C-alpha atoms as a PDB file:
ATOM      1  CA  MET A   1      88.936 126.497 113.418  1.00  0.00           C
ATOM      2  CA  ARG A   2      91.671 125.146 111.173  1.00  0.00           C
ATOM      3  CA  GLN A   3      93.548 121.975 111.997  1.00  0.00           C
ATOM      4  CA  THR A   4      96.222 121.822 109.338  1.00  0.00           C
ATOM      5  CA  LYS A   5      98.126 124.356 107.342  1.00  0.00           C
ATOM      6  CA  SER A   6      99.587 123.112 104.119  1.00  0.00           C
ATOM      7  CA  LYS A   7     101.992 124.834 101.752  1.00  0.00           C
ATOM      8  CA  ASN A   8     102.103 124.271  98.022  1.00  0.00           C
ATOM      9  CA  HIS A   9     105.161 126.205  96.835  1.00  0.00           C
ATOM     10  CA  ASP A  10     104.170 129.885  97.164  1.00  0.00           C
ATOM     11  CA  GLU A  11     100.478 129.242  97.815  1.00  0.00           C
ATOM     12  CA  GLU A  12      99.422 128.551 101.401  1.00  0.00           C
ATOM     13  CA  PHE A  13      95.999 127.156 102.210  1.00  0.00           C
ATOM     14  CA  HIS A  14      94.142 125.780 105.224  1.00  0.00           C
ATOM     15  CA  ILE A  15      92.529 122.384 105.500  1.00  0.00           C
ATOM     16  CA  PRO A  16      89.376 122.243 107.653  1.00  0.00           C
ATOM     17  CA  ASN A  17      89.456 119.948 110.675  1.00  0.00           C
ATOM     18  CA  GLN A  18      85.884 118.729 110.132  1.00  0.00           C
ATOM     19  CA  ALA A  19      84.616 116.372 107.462  1.00  0.00           C
ATOM     20  CA  ILE A  20      81.398 114.724 106.392  1.00  0.00           C
ATOM     21  CA  ILE A  21      81.701 111.212 104.990  1.00  0.00           C
ATOM     22  CA  ILE A  22      78.849 109.850 102.895  1.00  0.00           C
ATOM     23  CA  GLY A  23      78.815 106.200 101.928  1.00  0.00           C
ATOM     24  CA  ALA A  24      76.516 105.275  99.062  1.00  0.00           C
ATOM     25  CA  HIS A  25      75.434 102.345  96.941  1.00  0.00           C
ATOM     26  CA  CYS A  26      73.977 104.019  93.839  1.00  0.00           C
ATOM     27  CA  ASN A  27      72.975 100.993  91.803  1.00  0.00           C
ATOM     28  CA  SER A  28      69.874 102.591  90.244  1.00  0.00           C
ATOM     29  CA  ASP A  29      68.904 105.939  88.753  1.00  0.00           C
ATOM     30  CA  VAL A  30      66.587 106.640  91.690  1.00  0.00           C
ATOM     31  CA  ARG A  31      69.394 106.144  94.211  1.00  0.00           C
ATOM     32  CA  LYS A  32      71.845 108.098  92.088  1.00  0.00           C
ATOM     33  CA  ASN A  33      69.505 111.098  91.807  1.00  0.00           C
ATOM     34  CA  ARG A  34      68.654 110.978  95.521  1.00  0.00           C
ATOM     35  CA  CYS A  35      72.351 110.888  96.404  1.00  0.00           C
ATOM     36  CA  LEU A  36      73.168 113.783  94.079  1.00  0.00           C
ATOM     37  CA  GLU A  37      70.431 115.872  95.714  1.00  0.00           C
ATOM     38  CA  LEU A  38      71.835 115.034  99.143  1.00  0.00           C
ATOM     39  CA  LEU A  39      75.363 115.996  98.086  1.00  0.00           C
ATOM     40  CA  LYS A  40      74.138 119.319  96.667  1.00  0.00           C
ATOM     41  CA  LYS A  41      72.332 120.180  99.903  1.00  0.00           C
ATOM     42  CA  VAL A  42      75.212 119.131 102.138  1.00  0.00           C
ATOM     43  CA  LYS A  43      77.718 121.109 100.036  1.00  0.00           C
ATOM     44  CA  LEU A  44      75.594 124.263 100.310  1.00  0.00           C
ATOM     45  CA  ARG A  45      74.848 123.932 104.016  1.00  0.00           C
ATOM     46  CA  PHE A  46      78.253 122.835 105.343  1.00  0.00           C
ATOM     47  CA  THR A  47      80.667 125.041 103.402  1.00  0.00           C
ATOM     48  CA  ASP A  48      83.477 124.797 105.988  1.00  0.00           C
ATOM     49  CA  TYR A  49      83.555 120.987 105.939  1.00  0.00           C
ATOM     50  CA  VAL A  50      85.504 118.615 103.742  1.00  0.00           C
ATOM     51  CA  LEU A  51      83.026 116.372 101.903  1.00  0.00           C
ATOM     52  CA  ILE A  52      84.153 112.776 101.301  1.00  0.00           C
ATOM     53  CA  PHE A  53      82.116 110.363  99.168  1.00  0.00           C
ATOM     54  CA  CYS A  54      82.679 106.583  99.391  1.00  0.00           C
ATOM     55  CA  SER A  55      81.314 103.797  97.218  1.00  0.00           C
ATOM     56  CA  HIS A  56      81.902 100.181  96.237  1.00  0.00           C
ATOM     57  CA  LEU A  57      80.440 100.953  92.818  1.00  0.00           C
ATOM     58  CA  PRO A  58      82.163 103.116  90.184  1.00  0.00           C
ATOM     59  CA  ILE A  59      81.456 106.804  90.857  1.00  0.00           C
ATOM     60  CA  ASP A  60      79.853 108.829  88.053  1.00  0.00           C
ATOM     61  CA  LYS A  61      81.660 111.995  86.987  1.00  0.00           C
ATOM     62  CA  GLU A  62      78.844 114.295  88.048  1.00  0.00           C
ATOM     63  CA  PHE A  63      79.406 113.349  91.722  1.00  0.00           C
ATOM     64  CA  TYR A  64      82.873 114.915  91.656  1.00  0.00           C
ATOM     65  CA  GLU A  65      81.354 118.383  91.269  1.00  0.00           C
ATOM     66  CA  TYR A  66      79.968 118.235  94.822  1.00  0.00           C
ATOM     67  CA  VAL A  67      82.688 116.430  96.793  1.00  0.00           C
ATOM     68  CA  ASP A  68      86.235 117.240  97.838  1.00  0.00           C
ATOM     69  CA  TYR A  69      87.365 113.623  97.861  1.00  0.00           C
ATOM     70  CA  ALA A  70      85.937 110.423  96.391  1.00  0.00           C
ATOM     71  CA  ILE A  71      86.933 106.948  97.529  1.00  0.00           C
ATOM     72  CA  TYR A  72      86.140 103.962  95.343  1.00  0.00           C
ATOM     73  CA  ASN A  73      86.818 100.455  96.604  1.00  0.00           C
ATOM     74  CA  LYS A  74      85.863  97.731  94.154  1.00  0.00           C
ATOM     75  CA  ASN A  75      86.061  95.081  96.881  1.00  0.00           C
ATOM     76  CA  ASN A  76      82.737  94.821  98.728  1.00  0.00           C
ATOM     77  CA  PRO A  77      83.264  92.372 101.598  1.00  0.00           C
ATOM     78  CA  SER A  78      79.535  91.863 102.186  1.00  0.00           C
ATOM     79  CA  THR A  79      79.045  90.424  98.676  1.00  0.00           C
ATOM     80  CA  ASN A  80      82.449  88.901  97.881  1.00  0.00           C
ATOM     81  CA  TYR A  81      82.979  85.425  99.320  1.00  0.00           C
END
């Protein structure tokens, strides 16, 4: 089921109405590798979903291969006083 139809000049495409949002804090190589494995599996299994990745740490370029959108917010309210 498609929620939104969008038109980009002559090319029309559909935007899925379902999304998966993954929030991560990849501050070590172990966490980074575990998160990349998760993203790969989610991308393969849920092909009709939009995949959104969120982090308070800068996002490595290799993450962008597996997500549709990446949100980086440098302000982390749990650690900033």
